[in-house]
N, C-alpha and C. Protein backbone atom coordinates (compact mmCIF):
# COMPACT_ATOMS: atom_id res chain seq x y z
N MET A 1 -7.42 -8.02 19.77
CA MET A 1 -7.77 -7.52 18.39
C MET A 1 -9.16 -8.19 17.93
N THR A 2 -9.96 -7.39 17.54
CA THR A 2 -11.33 -7.92 17.23
C THR A 2 -11.33 -8.19 15.64
N HIS A 3 -12.22 -9.18 15.12
CA HIS A 3 -12.34 -9.35 13.75
C HIS A 3 -12.84 -8.01 13.00
N GLU A 4 -13.52 -7.30 13.62
CA GLU A 4 -13.89 -5.99 12.95
C GLU A 4 -12.74 -5.06 12.82
N SER A 5 -11.90 -4.91 13.80
CA SER A 5 -10.71 -3.98 13.76
C SER A 5 -9.85 -4.48 12.74
N ALA A 6 -9.62 -5.85 12.58
CA ALA A 6 -8.65 -6.38 11.66
C ALA A 6 -9.10 -6.06 10.23
N MET A 7 -10.51 -6.21 9.97
CA MET A 7 -11.13 -5.96 8.64
C MET A 7 -11.04 -4.45 8.39
N ARG A 8 -11.22 -3.65 9.39
CA ARG A 8 -11.13 -2.27 9.15
C ARG A 8 -9.54 -1.72 8.76
N ILE A 9 -8.75 -2.31 9.43
CA ILE A 9 -7.37 -2.07 9.10
C ILE A 9 -7.02 -2.48 7.62
N ALA A 10 -7.62 -3.63 7.19
CA ALA A 10 -7.44 -4.04 5.69
C ALA A 10 -8.15 -2.99 4.83
N GLU A 11 -9.33 -2.67 5.17
CA GLU A 11 -10.13 -1.62 4.29
C GLU A 11 -9.23 -0.31 4.19
N ILE A 12 -8.82 0.06 5.35
CA ILE A 12 -7.98 1.25 5.33
C ILE A 12 -6.81 1.32 4.47
N LEU A 13 -6.03 0.12 4.41
CA LEU A 13 -4.99 -0.16 3.65
C LEU A 13 -5.33 -0.02 2.02
N TYR A 14 -6.38 -0.90 1.75
CA TYR A 14 -6.70 -0.83 0.35
C TYR A 14 -7.29 0.39 -0.30
N ASP A 15 -8.07 1.12 0.61
CA ASP A 15 -8.62 2.30 0.26
C ASP A 15 -7.51 3.31 -0.05
N ALA A 16 -6.48 3.45 0.95
CA ALA A 16 -5.45 4.36 0.87
C ALA A 16 -4.49 4.26 -0.21
N VAL A 17 -4.36 2.89 -0.75
CA VAL A 17 -3.38 2.61 -1.98
C VAL A 17 -4.18 3.06 -3.07
N GLU A 18 -5.37 2.75 -3.17
CA GLU A 18 -6.18 3.38 -4.35
C GLU A 18 -6.11 4.80 -4.67
N GLN A 19 -6.22 5.41 -3.41
CA GLN A 19 -6.12 6.90 -3.45
C GLN A 19 -4.67 7.49 -3.56
N ARG A 20 -3.68 6.56 -3.42
CA ARG A 20 -2.33 6.96 -3.30
C ARG A 20 -1.86 7.72 -2.23
N ASP A 21 -2.63 7.46 -1.07
CA ASP A 21 -2.62 8.15 0.22
C ASP A 21 -1.52 7.39 0.96
N PHE A 22 -0.13 7.48 0.60
CA PHE A 22 0.94 6.70 1.15
C PHE A 22 1.14 7.10 2.62
N GLU A 23 0.74 8.27 3.04
CA GLU A 23 1.06 8.62 4.31
C GLU A 23 0.15 7.86 5.35
N THR A 24 -1.16 7.63 4.89
CA THR A 24 -2.13 6.77 5.70
C THR A 24 -1.44 5.35 5.59
N VAL A 25 -1.06 4.81 4.45
CA VAL A 25 -0.45 3.46 4.47
C VAL A 25 0.62 3.31 5.50
N LEU A 26 1.52 4.15 5.37
CA LEU A 26 2.65 4.07 6.23
C LEU A 26 2.33 4.31 7.67
N GLY A 27 1.27 4.91 7.95
CA GLY A 27 0.69 5.04 9.28
C GLY A 27 0.30 3.78 9.97
N ILE A 28 -0.13 2.84 9.10
CA ILE A 28 -0.72 1.56 9.61
C ILE A 28 0.43 0.34 9.48
N LEU A 29 1.50 0.75 8.89
CA LEU A 29 2.56 -0.40 8.81
C LEU A 29 3.60 -0.32 9.98
N ASP A 30 3.90 -1.45 10.64
CA ASP A 30 5.07 -1.49 11.57
C ASP A 30 6.21 -0.86 10.89
N ASN A 31 7.14 -0.56 11.59
CA ASN A 31 8.30 0.03 11.13
C ASN A 31 9.14 -0.97 10.38
N ASP A 32 9.10 -2.25 10.63
CA ASP A 32 9.76 -3.23 9.85
C ASP A 32 8.79 -4.26 9.19
N ALA A 33 7.59 -3.71 8.77
CA ALA A 33 6.66 -4.53 8.14
C ALA A 33 7.25 -4.91 6.79
N THR A 34 6.75 -6.33 6.32
CA THR A 34 7.41 -6.95 5.30
C THR A 34 6.23 -7.18 4.35
N LEU A 35 6.76 -7.25 2.96
CA LEU A 35 5.90 -7.56 1.79
C LEU A 35 6.49 -8.70 1.16
N TRP A 36 5.74 -9.73 0.76
CA TRP A 36 6.12 -11.17 0.25
C TRP A 36 5.07 -11.48 -0.78
N ASN A 37 5.70 -12.10 -1.90
CA ASN A 37 4.67 -12.68 -2.79
C ASN A 37 5.22 -14.09 -3.13
N GLU A 38 4.36 -14.92 -3.56
CA GLU A 38 4.60 -16.28 -3.79
C GLU A 38 5.70 -16.58 -4.87
N HIS A 39 5.87 -15.42 -5.81
CA HIS A 39 6.68 -15.81 -6.96
C HIS A 39 8.20 -15.35 -6.68
N GLU A 40 8.36 -14.27 -5.88
CA GLU A 40 9.59 -13.76 -5.51
C GLU A 40 10.16 -14.53 -4.42
N ARG A 41 9.21 -14.92 -3.45
CA ARG A 41 9.44 -15.76 -2.37
C ARG A 41 10.69 -15.11 -1.38
N SER A 42 10.62 -13.82 -1.39
CA SER A 42 11.47 -13.18 -0.43
C SER A 42 11.01 -11.83 0.13
N ASP A 43 11.26 -11.62 1.32
CA ASP A 43 10.71 -10.45 2.04
C ASP A 43 11.40 -9.11 1.52
N HIS A 44 10.40 -8.04 1.41
CA HIS A 44 10.89 -6.80 1.03
C HIS A 44 10.35 -5.87 2.01
N SER A 45 10.82 -4.66 2.08
CA SER A 45 10.31 -3.57 3.09
C SER A 45 8.99 -3.18 2.63
N ALA A 46 7.94 -3.23 3.34
CA ALA A 46 6.70 -2.70 2.91
C ALA A 46 6.72 -1.46 2.86
N ARG A 47 7.49 -0.73 3.93
CA ARG A 47 7.52 0.79 3.99
C ARG A 47 8.24 1.37 2.72
N GLU A 48 9.17 0.77 2.17
CA GLU A 48 9.83 1.20 1.05
C GLU A 48 8.92 1.21 -0.12
N PHE A 49 8.23 -0.04 -0.26
CA PHE A 49 7.30 -0.25 -1.39
C PHE A 49 6.22 0.83 -1.43
N PHE A 50 5.57 1.13 -0.26
CA PHE A 50 4.49 1.90 -0.03
C PHE A 50 4.98 3.28 0.22
N GLY A 51 6.11 3.59 0.07
CA GLY A 51 6.70 4.92 0.28
C GLY A 51 6.38 6.03 -0.69
N GLY A 52 5.89 5.47 -1.79
CA GLY A 52 5.33 6.15 -2.93
C GLY A 52 6.37 6.46 -4.06
N SER A 53 7.72 5.95 -3.75
CA SER A 53 8.74 6.31 -4.76
C SER A 53 9.15 4.89 -5.57
N HIS A 54 8.25 3.82 -5.30
CA HIS A 54 8.64 2.65 -5.94
C HIS A 54 8.18 2.81 -7.41
N ALA A 55 9.03 2.19 -8.37
CA ALA A 55 8.79 2.40 -9.84
C ALA A 55 7.33 1.95 -10.27
N LEU A 56 6.68 1.05 -9.42
CA LEU A 56 5.29 0.67 -9.87
C LEU A 56 4.43 1.94 -9.81
N TRP A 57 4.51 2.87 -8.82
CA TRP A 57 3.67 3.91 -8.67
C TRP A 57 3.69 4.96 -9.86
N SER A 58 4.90 4.95 -10.45
CA SER A 58 5.05 5.95 -11.54
C SER A 58 4.50 5.27 -12.93
N ALA A 59 4.44 3.88 -12.82
CA ALA A 59 3.98 3.24 -14.08
C ALA A 59 2.43 3.03 -14.20
N VAL A 60 1.79 3.10 -13.17
CA VAL A 60 0.32 2.76 -12.76
C VAL A 60 -0.48 4.12 -12.65
N ALA A 61 -1.39 4.44 -13.80
CA ALA A 61 -1.99 5.66 -13.75
C ALA A 61 -3.23 5.62 -12.71
N SER A 62 -3.90 4.30 -12.66
CA SER A 62 -5.07 4.25 -11.62
C SER A 62 -5.18 2.79 -11.25
N LEU A 63 -5.47 2.64 -9.94
CA LEU A 63 -5.54 1.27 -9.50
C LEU A 63 -6.86 1.14 -8.48
N ARG A 64 -7.59 0.13 -8.75
CA ARG A 64 -8.80 -0.20 -7.91
C ARG A 64 -8.68 -1.63 -7.39
N TYR A 65 -9.18 -1.94 -6.33
CA TYR A 65 -9.19 -3.11 -5.77
C TYR A 65 -10.80 -3.38 -5.54
N THR A 66 -11.31 -4.27 -6.40
CA THR A 66 -12.55 -4.45 -6.52
C THR A 66 -12.96 -5.81 -5.94
N GLU A 67 -14.34 -6.14 -5.80
CA GLU A 67 -14.78 -7.45 -5.35
C GLU A 67 -13.92 -7.83 -4.06
N ARG A 68 -13.81 -7.10 -3.10
CA ARG A 68 -12.95 -7.30 -1.93
C ARG A 68 -13.84 -8.18 -1.13
N LYS A 69 -13.27 -9.26 -0.57
CA LYS A 69 -13.90 -10.20 0.38
C LYS A 69 -12.92 -10.39 1.56
N TYR A 70 -13.32 -9.85 2.80
CA TYR A 70 -12.57 -10.03 3.94
C TYR A 70 -12.81 -11.24 4.81
N THR A 71 -11.84 -11.89 5.22
CA THR A 71 -11.93 -13.09 6.10
C THR A 71 -11.17 -13.01 7.29
N PRO A 72 -11.61 -13.04 8.42
CA PRO A 72 -10.73 -12.93 9.61
C PRO A 72 -9.97 -14.08 9.72
N THR A 73 -8.88 -13.96 10.25
CA THR A 73 -7.72 -15.06 10.63
C THR A 73 -7.41 -14.85 12.07
N GLU A 74 -6.58 -15.94 12.47
CA GLU A 74 -6.12 -15.82 13.91
C GLU A 74 -5.28 -14.60 14.10
N HIS A 75 -4.39 -14.24 13.16
CA HIS A 75 -3.34 -13.24 13.29
C HIS A 75 -3.63 -11.97 12.34
N GLY A 76 -4.88 -11.91 11.78
CA GLY A 76 -5.13 -10.76 11.06
C GLY A 76 -6.35 -11.02 10.23
N VAL A 77 -6.05 -10.77 8.89
CA VAL A 77 -7.23 -10.92 7.91
C VAL A 77 -6.77 -11.41 6.53
N SER A 78 -7.53 -12.18 5.83
CA SER A 78 -7.22 -12.65 4.50
C SER A 78 -8.31 -11.72 3.63
N VAL A 79 -7.68 -11.38 2.56
CA VAL A 79 -8.41 -10.52 1.68
C VAL A 79 -8.33 -10.88 0.25
N GLU A 80 -9.35 -11.29 -0.41
CA GLU A 80 -9.40 -11.71 -1.78
C GLU A 80 -10.01 -10.48 -2.51
N TYR A 81 -9.37 -10.14 -3.66
CA TYR A 81 -9.86 -8.93 -4.44
C TYR A 81 -9.38 -8.98 -5.80
N VAL A 82 -9.88 -8.37 -6.74
CA VAL A 82 -9.59 -8.26 -8.12
C VAL A 82 -8.85 -6.78 -8.31
N ALA A 83 -7.53 -6.89 -8.75
CA ALA A 83 -6.82 -5.61 -8.96
C ALA A 83 -7.05 -5.12 -10.47
N ARG A 84 -7.65 -3.87 -10.59
CA ARG A 84 -8.10 -3.47 -11.84
C ARG A 84 -7.36 -2.02 -11.92
N GLY A 85 -6.85 -1.90 -13.21
CA GLY A 85 -6.11 -0.49 -13.43
C GLY A 85 -5.72 -0.12 -14.80
N LEU A 86 -4.95 0.92 -14.86
CA LEU A 86 -4.56 1.42 -16.15
C LEU A 86 -3.30 2.04 -15.98
N THR A 87 -2.35 1.48 -16.98
CA THR A 87 -0.99 1.97 -16.90
C THR A 87 -0.87 3.33 -17.43
N VAL A 88 0.16 4.08 -17.24
CA VAL A 88 0.41 5.43 -17.79
C VAL A 88 0.38 5.39 -19.34
N ARG A 89 0.81 4.27 -19.95
CA ARG A 89 0.73 4.01 -21.31
C ARG A 89 -0.72 3.61 -21.93
N GLY A 90 -1.66 3.62 -21.06
CA GLY A 90 -3.09 3.41 -21.51
C GLY A 90 -3.45 1.84 -21.50
N ARG A 91 -2.71 0.97 -21.12
CA ARG A 91 -2.94 -0.46 -21.00
C ARG A 91 -3.70 -0.85 -19.64
N ARG A 92 -4.76 -1.50 -19.87
CA ARG A 92 -5.63 -1.92 -18.91
C ARG A 92 -5.09 -3.23 -18.32
N PHE A 93 -5.25 -3.52 -17.02
CA PHE A 93 -4.96 -4.80 -16.42
C PHE A 93 -5.95 -5.11 -15.50
N THR A 94 -6.07 -6.50 -15.12
CA THR A 94 -7.06 -6.92 -14.27
C THR A 94 -6.63 -8.35 -13.93
N PHE A 95 -6.41 -8.61 -12.60
CA PHE A 95 -6.08 -10.01 -12.07
C PHE A 95 -6.39 -10.15 -10.63
N PRO A 96 -6.86 -11.41 -10.27
CA PRO A 96 -7.26 -11.68 -9.05
C PRO A 96 -6.13 -11.92 -8.03
N VAL A 97 -6.30 -11.43 -6.87
CA VAL A 97 -5.17 -11.65 -5.68
C VAL A 97 -5.85 -12.05 -4.49
N THR A 98 -5.05 -12.87 -3.63
CA THR A 98 -5.46 -13.19 -2.37
C THR A 98 -4.09 -12.66 -1.54
N ALA A 99 -4.58 -11.97 -0.56
CA ALA A 99 -3.52 -11.28 0.44
C ALA A 99 -3.78 -11.77 1.79
N ARG A 100 -2.80 -12.00 2.57
CA ARG A 100 -2.86 -12.17 4.08
C ARG A 100 -2.15 -11.19 4.73
N LEU A 101 -2.96 -10.45 5.66
CA LEU A 101 -2.34 -9.39 6.34
C LEU A 101 -2.28 -9.79 7.68
N PHE A 102 -0.92 -9.76 8.36
CA PHE A 102 -0.72 -10.26 9.72
C PHE A 102 -0.46 -8.97 10.41
N LEU A 103 -1.44 -8.82 11.53
CA LEU A 103 -1.17 -7.63 12.32
C LEU A 103 -0.45 -7.83 13.66
N SER A 104 -0.10 -6.45 14.09
CA SER A 104 0.69 -6.42 15.35
C SER A 104 -0.14 -7.04 16.58
N SER A 105 0.41 -7.25 17.60
CA SER A 105 -0.47 -7.91 18.67
C SER A 105 -1.42 -6.92 19.24
N ASP A 106 -1.28 -5.77 18.95
CA ASP A 106 -2.50 -4.75 19.49
C ASP A 106 -3.50 -4.69 18.32
N GLY A 107 -3.20 -5.24 17.07
CA GLY A 107 -4.18 -5.10 16.08
C GLY A 107 -4.30 -3.79 15.34
N HIS A 108 -3.49 -2.88 15.51
CA HIS A 108 -3.64 -1.59 14.96
C HIS A 108 -2.63 -1.29 13.84
N ARG A 109 -1.59 -2.21 13.62
CA ARG A 109 -0.65 -2.03 12.63
C ARG A 109 -0.35 -3.24 11.79
N ILE A 110 0.01 -3.19 10.55
CA ILE A 110 0.27 -4.37 9.84
C ILE A 110 1.72 -4.68 9.85
N ARG A 111 1.97 -5.93 10.20
CA ARG A 111 3.36 -6.29 10.37
C ARG A 111 3.80 -7.14 9.13
N ARG A 112 2.95 -7.72 8.34
CA ARG A 112 3.38 -8.54 7.26
C ARG A 112 2.22 -8.62 6.35
N ILE A 113 2.52 -8.52 4.88
CA ILE A 113 1.69 -8.80 3.78
C ILE A 113 2.18 -9.81 3.04
N GLU A 114 1.38 -10.89 2.74
CA GLU A 114 1.73 -11.99 1.87
C GLU A 114 0.81 -11.91 0.68
N GLU A 115 1.23 -11.68 -0.56
CA GLU A 115 0.34 -11.84 -1.70
C GLU A 115 0.29 -13.13 -2.63
N PHE A 116 -0.87 -13.49 -2.92
CA PHE A 116 -0.82 -14.79 -3.88
C PHE A 116 -1.51 -14.53 -5.09
N PHE A 117 -0.91 -14.69 -6.25
CA PHE A 117 -1.63 -14.39 -7.49
C PHE A 117 -0.89 -15.50 -8.57
N ARG A 118 -1.56 -15.66 -9.56
CA ARG A 118 -1.10 -16.61 -10.68
C ARG A 118 0.07 -15.99 -11.44
N LEU A 119 1.10 -16.95 -11.59
CA LEU A 119 2.31 -16.43 -12.46
C LEU A 119 1.96 -15.79 -13.85
N THR A 120 0.93 -16.37 -14.56
CA THR A 120 0.54 -15.85 -15.77
C THR A 120 -0.05 -14.53 -15.66
N ASP A 121 -0.82 -14.16 -14.61
CA ASP A 121 -1.38 -12.85 -14.35
C ASP A 121 -0.22 -11.82 -13.86
N ALA A 122 0.86 -12.22 -13.19
CA ALA A 122 1.91 -11.62 -12.89
C ALA A 122 2.79 -11.04 -14.26
N ALA A 123 2.86 -12.02 -15.08
CA ALA A 123 3.65 -11.79 -16.31
C ALA A 123 2.84 -10.87 -17.18
N ALA A 124 1.48 -11.01 -17.24
CA ALA A 124 0.64 -10.06 -18.15
C ALA A 124 0.69 -8.75 -17.44
N PHE A 125 0.68 -8.61 -16.10
CA PHE A 125 0.79 -7.24 -15.51
C PHE A 125 2.23 -6.57 -15.88
N GLN A 126 3.18 -7.44 -15.83
CA GLN A 126 4.57 -6.83 -16.14
C GLN A 126 4.64 -6.49 -17.51
N GLU A 127 3.93 -7.21 -18.43
CA GLU A 127 4.05 -6.87 -19.89
C GLU A 127 3.21 -5.47 -20.22
N ALA A 128 2.01 -5.47 -19.33
CA ALA A 128 1.25 -4.09 -19.46
C ALA A 128 2.13 -2.96 -18.98
N LEU A 129 2.94 -3.14 -18.03
CA LEU A 129 3.66 -1.98 -17.53
C LEU A 129 4.86 -1.65 -18.52
N ILE A 130 5.27 -2.72 -19.21
CA ILE A 130 6.51 -2.35 -19.97
C ILE A 130 6.01 -1.86 -21.48
N ASP A 131 4.97 -2.41 -21.99
CA ASP A 131 4.57 -2.12 -23.45
C ASP A 131 4.11 -0.61 -23.45
């Protein structure tokens, strides 16, 4: 795996999520890929989350990952970005996230995503989704 290929996989992931191209997202995830965040501290199926039927996708009208900064790591890539979007109820949200993407040994698929964000941002995002 080269640093360029790791960063390209990350770029494909975030571009596809922005476009709600879940077929492309599923195409770069390992079958047993996991999604974890620092607040829940438990693994979830990344394929189920990005399968397009997760409740989040019906609550968010638009989503952009701006100010992306990719940093190669030993097993993948770290990505810093700002999630910006609009809920279906017209509420705007913005919060910074750091994600670590762990890639398969061949470097072509994502096997694990770990997300880090402030608890206050998570709470504000949840409030925007509900209100």
